[in-house]
Amino acid sequence: MAKSKRAAADSGGTPATVALSRAGISFVLRPYRHDDLVTDFGNEAAAQLGVDRRQIFKTLVADLGGGLAVAVVPVAEQLDLKALARVYGVKKAQLADPQAAARSSGYVLGGISPIGQRTKLPTVIDSSCRNFPTVLVSAGRRGLQVELAPDDLATATDGVLARITG
C-alpha cells in the first residue's frame, strides 16, 4: 500500500522526495535556513547554498486560459509568457493566481516543487537547464531544495524542454 502524503510528511519527506524515491531517481537534498521575512525565495536559496542563480530553478504556475501549466525557469531569469503560450499553442499565458497555484500543487508558496504536485499539470522546463550537470528545484517546502540531473527532472515531471525565458 502506498504511503499517504501525510505519512510522507510525518517521516520527514515531501511529496516531491517521495515521488523521486518511488521513481528510482537519484537526488541530493540541499537544506538551508529560510528566513520567514524573505519573500524572494529563489535568490535566498542561491545565496544560502552558494549556488549560481542560473542553476537554481523556480517553479511558476501559469494560467493558459483553459487550464493551468507549470513553467520551471532559472531564478536569474524571467519567464517569457509569450514563449510559454507558443509551447502550448495558446494565444496568451499569464501567471496563475497564487492561491490557485498553491491549491493545485498542494505546496505552500515559496515551496512549490514541480515534482509530486497534487494535480499533475503539463510542465515545461527552460532548456538552459542543459547548461549544468545538475539543477536545483524546490523539494516541496521553504528551506529545502532537491538537486538532480536535468533529464531526471524532465522524467520526474513528464516535462518538455523549451526556451521559455526572455
C-alpha atoms as a PDB file:
ATOM      1  CA  MET A   1       0.000   0.000   0.000  1.00  0.00           C
ATOM      2  CA  ALA A   2       1.329   3.445  -0.929  1.00  0.00           C
ATOM      3  CA  LYS A   3       2.181   5.931   1.792  1.00  0.00           C
ATOM      4  CA  SER A   4      -0.157   8.853   2.117  1.00  0.00           C
ATOM      5  CA  LYS A   5       1.153  12.400   1.705  1.00  0.00           C
ATOM      6  CA  ARG A   6       0.604  12.869   5.441  1.00  0.00           C
ATOM      7  CA  ALA A   7       2.702   9.797   6.253  1.00  0.00           C
ATOM      8  CA  ALA A   8       5.418  11.018   3.868  1.00  0.00           C
ATOM      9  CA  ALA A   9       5.449  14.423   5.544  1.00  0.00           C
ATOM     10  CA  ASP A  10       5.466  12.867   9.013  1.00  0.00           C
ATOM     11  CA  SER A  11       8.530  10.809   8.109  1.00  0.00           C
ATOM     12  CA  GLY A  12      10.445  13.923   7.029  1.00  0.00           C
ATOM     13  CA  GLY A  13       9.860  13.554   3.298  1.00  0.00           C
ATOM     14  CA  THR A  14       7.801  15.673   0.967  1.00  0.00           C
ATOM     15  CA  PRO A  15       5.580  14.553  -1.915  1.00  0.00           C
ATOM     16  CA  ALA A  16       8.472  15.566  -4.212  1.00  0.00           C
ATOM     17  CA  THR A  17      11.089  13.427  -2.466  1.00  0.00           C
ATOM     18  CA  VAL A  18       8.659  10.525  -2.159  1.00  0.00           C
ATOM     19  CA  ALA A  19       7.903  10.725  -5.898  1.00  0.00           C
ATOM     20  CA  LEU A  20      11.602  10.811  -6.762  1.00  0.00           C
ATOM     21  CA  SER A  21      12.359   7.851  -4.496  1.00  0.00           C
ATOM     22  CA  ARG A  22       9.482   5.812  -5.905  1.00  0.00           C
ATOM     23  CA  ALA A  23      10.693   6.544  -9.447  1.00  0.00           C
ATOM     24  CA  GLY A  24      14.230   5.464  -8.559  1.00  0.00           C
ATOM     25  CA  ILE A  25      15.637   8.881  -9.496  1.00  0.00           C
ATOM     26  CA  SER A  26      18.871   9.946  -7.815  1.00  0.00           C
ATOM     27  CA  PHE A  27      18.770  13.265  -5.988  1.00  0.00           C
ATOM     28  CA  VAL A  28      20.507  15.162  -3.218  1.00  0.00           C
ATOM     29  CA  LEU A  29      18.595  17.154  -0.626  1.00  0.00           C
ATOM     30  CA  ARG A  30      20.018  20.640  -0.112  1.00  0.00           C
ATOM     31  CA  PRO A  31      18.525  22.193   3.047  1.00  0.00           C
ATOM     32  CA  TYR A  32      19.170  25.791   4.084  1.00  0.00           C
ATOM     33  CA  ARG A  33      17.912  28.131   6.775  1.00  0.00           C
ATOM     34  CA  HIS A  34      14.886  30.028   5.451  1.00  0.00           C
ATOM     35  CA  ASP A  35      14.243  33.477   6.905  1.00  0.00           C
ATOM     36  CA  ASP A  36      10.477  33.993   7.292  1.00  0.00           C
ATOM     37  CA  LEU A  37      10.927  37.689   6.437  1.00  0.00           C
ATOM     38  CA  VAL A  38      12.344  36.862   2.996  1.00  0.00           C
ATOM     39  CA  THR A  39       9.932  36.539   0.078  1.00  0.00           C
ATOM     40  CA  ASP A  40      12.492  36.263  -2.748  1.00  0.00           C
ATOM     41  CA  PHE A  41      12.758  32.527  -2.196  1.00  0.00           C
ATOM     42  CA  GLY A  42      14.928  31.567  -5.173  1.00  0.00           C
ATOM     43  CA  ASN A  43      17.575  34.207  -4.567  1.00  0.00           C
ATOM     44  CA  GLU A  44      17.590  33.321  -0.880  1.00  0.00           C
ATOM     45  CA  ALA A  45      18.238  29.668  -1.754  1.00  0.00           C
ATOM     46  CA  ALA A  46      21.033  30.591  -4.168  1.00  0.00           C
ATOM     47  CA  ALA A  47      22.738  32.809  -1.579  1.00  0.00           C
ATOM     48  CA  GLN A  48      22.317  30.340   1.289  1.00  0.00           C
ATOM     49  CA  LEU A  49      23.573  27.386  -0.753  1.00  0.00           C
ATOM     50  CA  GLY A  50      26.295  29.267  -2.636  1.00  0.00           C
ATOM     51  CA  VAL A  51      24.888  28.149  -5.991  1.00  0.00           C
ATOM     52  CA  ASP A  52      24.794  30.056  -9.287  1.00  0.00           C
ATOM     53  CA  ARG A  53      21.358  31.687  -9.709  1.00  0.00           C
ATOM     54  CA  ARG A  54      21.196  30.179 -13.211  1.00  0.00           C
ATOM     55  CA  GLN A  55      21.415  26.661 -11.726  1.00  0.00           C
ATOM     56  CA  ILE A  56      18.505  27.070  -9.277  1.00  0.00           C
ATOM     57  CA  PHE A  57      15.125  26.850 -10.975  1.00  0.00           C
ATOM     58  CA  LYS A  58      11.883  28.331  -9.707  1.00  0.00           C
ATOM     59  CA  THR A  59       8.506  26.741 -10.257  1.00  0.00           C
ATOM     60  CA  LEU A  60       5.797  29.000 -11.632  1.00  0.00           C
ATOM     61  CA  VAL A  61       2.197  28.050 -12.304  1.00  0.00           C
ATOM     62  CA  ALA A  62       0.652  29.685 -15.350  1.00  0.00           C
ATOM     63  CA  ASP A  63      -2.934  30.107 -16.475  1.00  0.00           C
ATOM     64  CA  LEU A  64      -3.312  29.211 -20.154  1.00  0.00           C
ATOM     65  CA  GLY A  65      -6.908  30.339 -20.374  1.00  0.00           C
ATOM     66  CA  GLY A  66      -8.248  26.799 -20.437  1.00  0.00           C
ATOM     67  CA  GLY A  67      -6.196  25.306 -17.648  1.00  0.00           C
ATOM     68  CA  LEU A  68      -3.004  25.556 -15.629  1.00  0.00           C
ATOM     69  CA  ALA A  69       0.534  24.574 -16.568  1.00  0.00           C
ATOM     70  CA  VAL A  70       3.906  24.585 -14.817  1.00  0.00           C
ATOM     71  CA  ALA A  71       6.912  26.567 -16.011  1.00  0.00           C
ATOM     72  CA  VAL A  72      10.327  25.839 -14.488  1.00  0.00           C
ATOM     73  CA  VAL A  73      12.865  28.621 -15.096  1.00  0.00           C
ATOM     74  CA  PRO A  74      16.181  29.764 -13.623  1.00  0.00           C
ATOM     75  CA  VAL A  75      15.941  32.125 -10.659  1.00  0.00           C
ATOM     76  CA  ALA A  76      18.220  34.511 -12.585  1.00  0.00           C
ATOM     77  CA  GLU A  77      15.734  34.774 -15.477  1.00  0.00           C
ATOM     78  CA  GLN A  78      12.175  35.898 -16.120  1.00  0.00           C
ATOM     79  CA  LEU A  79       9.509  33.689 -17.635  1.00  0.00           C
ATOM     80  CA  ASP A  80       8.597  34.791 -21.170  1.00  0.00           C
ATOM     81  CA  LEU A  81       4.830  34.343 -21.149  1.00  0.00           C
ATOM     82  CA  LYS A  82       4.615  34.643 -24.947  1.00  0.00           C
ATOM     83  CA  ALA A  83       7.159  31.842 -25.361  1.00  0.00           C
ATOM     84  CA  LEU A  84       5.223  29.709 -22.877  1.00  0.00           C
ATOM     85  CA  ALA A  85       1.976  30.345 -24.793  1.00  0.00           C
ATOM     86  CA  ARG A  86       3.716  29.260 -28.031  1.00  0.00           C
ATOM     87  CA  VAL A  87       4.844  25.983 -26.415  1.00  0.00           C
ATOM     88  CA  TYR A  88       1.225  25.161 -25.574  1.00  0.00           C
ATOM     89  CA  GLY A  89      -0.291  26.575 -28.752  1.00  0.00           C
ATOM     90  CA  VAL A  90      -2.470  29.121 -26.974  1.00  0.00           C
ATOM     91  CA  LYS A  91      -2.867  32.839 -27.612  1.00  0.00           C
ATOM     92  CA  LYS A  92      -1.997  34.012 -24.128  1.00  0.00           C
ATOM     93  CA  ALA A  93      -0.467  32.816 -20.873  1.00  0.00           C
ATOM     94  CA  GLN A  94      -0.369  34.629 -17.577  1.00  0.00           C
ATOM     95  CA  LEU A  95       0.806  33.765 -14.110  1.00  0.00           C
ATOM     96  CA  ALA A  96      -1.860  31.952 -12.155  1.00  0.00           C
ATOM     97  CA  ASP A  97      -3.406  33.391  -9.037  1.00  0.00           C
ATOM     98  CA  PRO A  98      -1.025  32.482  -6.162  1.00  0.00           C
ATOM     99  CA  GLN A  99      -3.773  30.755  -4.178  1.00  0.00           C
ATOM    100  CA  ALA A 100      -4.802  28.729  -7.235  1.00  0.00           C
ATOM    101  CA  ALA A 101      -1.163  27.694  -7.687  1.00  0.00           C
ATOM    102  CA  ALA A 102      -0.911  26.587  -4.055  1.00  0.00           C
ATOM    103  CA  ARG A 103      -4.227  24.704  -4.203  1.00  0.00           C
ATOM    104  CA  SER A 104      -3.369  22.938  -7.437  1.00  0.00           C
ATOM    105  CA  SER A 105       0.160  21.976  -6.423  1.00  0.00           C
ATOM    106  CA  GLY A 106      -0.526  21.109  -2.794  1.00  0.00           C
ATOM    107  CA  TYR A 107       2.526  23.136  -1.784  1.00  0.00           C
ATOM    108  CA  VAL A 108       2.954  26.446   0.041  1.00  0.00           C
ATOM    109  CA  LEU A 109       4.043  29.495  -1.968  1.00  0.00           C
ATOM    110  CA  GLY A 110       7.813  29.699  -1.951  1.00  0.00           C
ATOM    111  CA  GLY A 111       7.978  25.927  -1.666  1.00  0.00           C
ATOM    112  CA  ILE A 112       6.150  24.812  -4.807  1.00  0.00           C
ATOM    113  CA  SER A 113       8.016  21.937  -6.373  1.00  0.00           C
ATOM    114  CA  PRO A 114       7.467  20.869  -9.973  1.00  0.00           C
ATOM    115  CA  ILE A 115       7.669  17.275  -8.697  1.00  0.00           C
ATOM    116  CA  GLY A 116       4.922  15.437  -6.823  1.00  0.00           C
ATOM    117  CA  GLN A 117       2.222  18.035  -7.279  1.00  0.00           C
ATOM    118  CA  ARG A 118      -1.303  17.263  -6.051  1.00  0.00           C
ATOM    119  CA  THR A 119      -2.706  17.880  -9.538  1.00  0.00           C
ATOM    120  CA  LYS A 120      -0.390  16.763 -12.329  1.00  0.00           C
ATOM    121  CA  LEU A 121      -0.068  19.635 -14.785  1.00  0.00           C
ATOM    122  CA  PRO A 122       1.656  19.918 -18.148  1.00  0.00           C
ATOM    123  CA  THR A 123       5.213  21.058 -17.436  1.00  0.00           C
ATOM    124  CA  VAL A 124       7.828  22.878 -19.484  1.00  0.00           C
ATOM    125  CA  ILE A 125      11.390  23.339 -18.243  1.00  0.00           C
ATOM    126  CA  ASP A 126      13.614  26.056 -19.634  1.00  0.00           C
ATOM    127  CA  SER A 127      16.181  24.383 -21.889  1.00  0.00           C
ATOM    128  CA  SER A 128      19.011  26.302 -20.194  1.00  0.00           C
ATOM    129  CA  CYS A 129      18.927  23.516 -17.602  1.00  0.00           C
ATOM    130  CA  ARG A 130      21.126  21.571 -20.008  1.00  0.00           C
ATOM    131  CA  ASN A 131      23.958  24.039 -19.261  1.00  0.00           C
ATOM    132  CA  PHE A 132      24.532  22.278 -15.930  1.00  0.00           C
ATOM    133  CA  PRO A 133      25.142  18.648 -14.924  1.00  0.00           C
ATOM    134  CA  THR A 134      22.615  19.158 -12.118  1.00  0.00           C
ATOM    135  CA  VAL A 135      19.954  21.737 -11.267  1.00  0.00           C
ATOM    136  CA  LEU A 136      18.136  22.573  -8.063  1.00  0.00           C
ATOM    137  CA  VAL A 137      14.383  22.957  -7.607  1.00  0.00           C
ATOM    138  CA  SER A 138      12.222  23.227  -4.528  1.00  0.00           C
ATOM    139  CA  ALA A 139      11.819  19.949  -2.706  1.00  0.00           C
ATOM    140  CA  GLY A 140       8.358  20.982  -1.566  1.00  0.00           C
ATOM    141  CA  ARG A 141       8.924  23.344   1.319  1.00  0.00           C
ATOM    142  CA  ARG A 142      10.724  26.575   2.025  1.00  0.00           C
ATOM    143  CA  GLY A 143      14.321  25.956   3.017  1.00  0.00           C
ATOM    144  CA  LEU A 144      14.716  22.704   1.115  1.00  0.00           C
ATOM    145  CA  GLN A 145      15.954  22.201  -2.436  1.00  0.00           C
ATOM    146  CA  VAL A 146      16.493  18.992  -4.342  1.00  0.00           C
ATOM    147  CA  GLU A 147      19.446  18.649  -6.730  1.00  0.00           C
ATOM    148  CA  LEU A 148      19.150  16.317  -9.699  1.00  0.00           C
ATOM    149  CA  ALA A 149      20.155  15.907 -13.327  1.00  0.00           C
ATOM    150  CA  PRO A 150      18.121  17.933 -15.870  1.00  0.00           C
ATOM    151  CA  ASP A 151      16.973  14.788 -17.695  1.00  0.00           C
ATOM    152  CA  ASP A 152      15.816  13.310 -14.390  1.00  0.00           C
ATOM    153  CA  LEU A 153      13.836  16.487 -13.676  1.00  0.00           C
ATOM    154  CA  ALA A 154      12.154  16.138 -17.072  1.00  0.00           C
ATOM    155  CA  THR A 155      11.401  12.478 -16.360  1.00  0.00           C
ATOM    156  CA  ALA A 156      10.013  13.178 -12.878  1.00  0.00           C
ATOM    157  CA  THR A 157       7.665  15.880 -14.183  1.00  0.00           C
ATOM    158  CA  ASP A 158       6.894  14.391 -17.605  1.00  0.00           C
ATOM    159  CA  GLY A 159       8.198  17.777 -18.707  1.00  0.00           C
ATOM    160  CA  VAL A 160       9.347  19.065 -22.051  1.00  0.00           C
ATOM    161  CA  LEU A 161      12.363  21.298 -22.567  1.00  0.00           C
ATOM    162  CA  ALA A 162      11.966  24.588 -24.399  1.00  0.00           C
ATOM    163  CA  ARG A 163      13.366  28.102 -24.278  1.00  0.00           C
ATOM    164  CA  ILE A 164      10.807  29.966 -22.141  1.00  0.00           C
ATOM    165  CA  THR A 165      12.898  32.774 -20.670  1.00  0.00           C
ATOM    166  CA  GLY A 166      13.385  36.239 -22.072  1.00  0.00           C
END
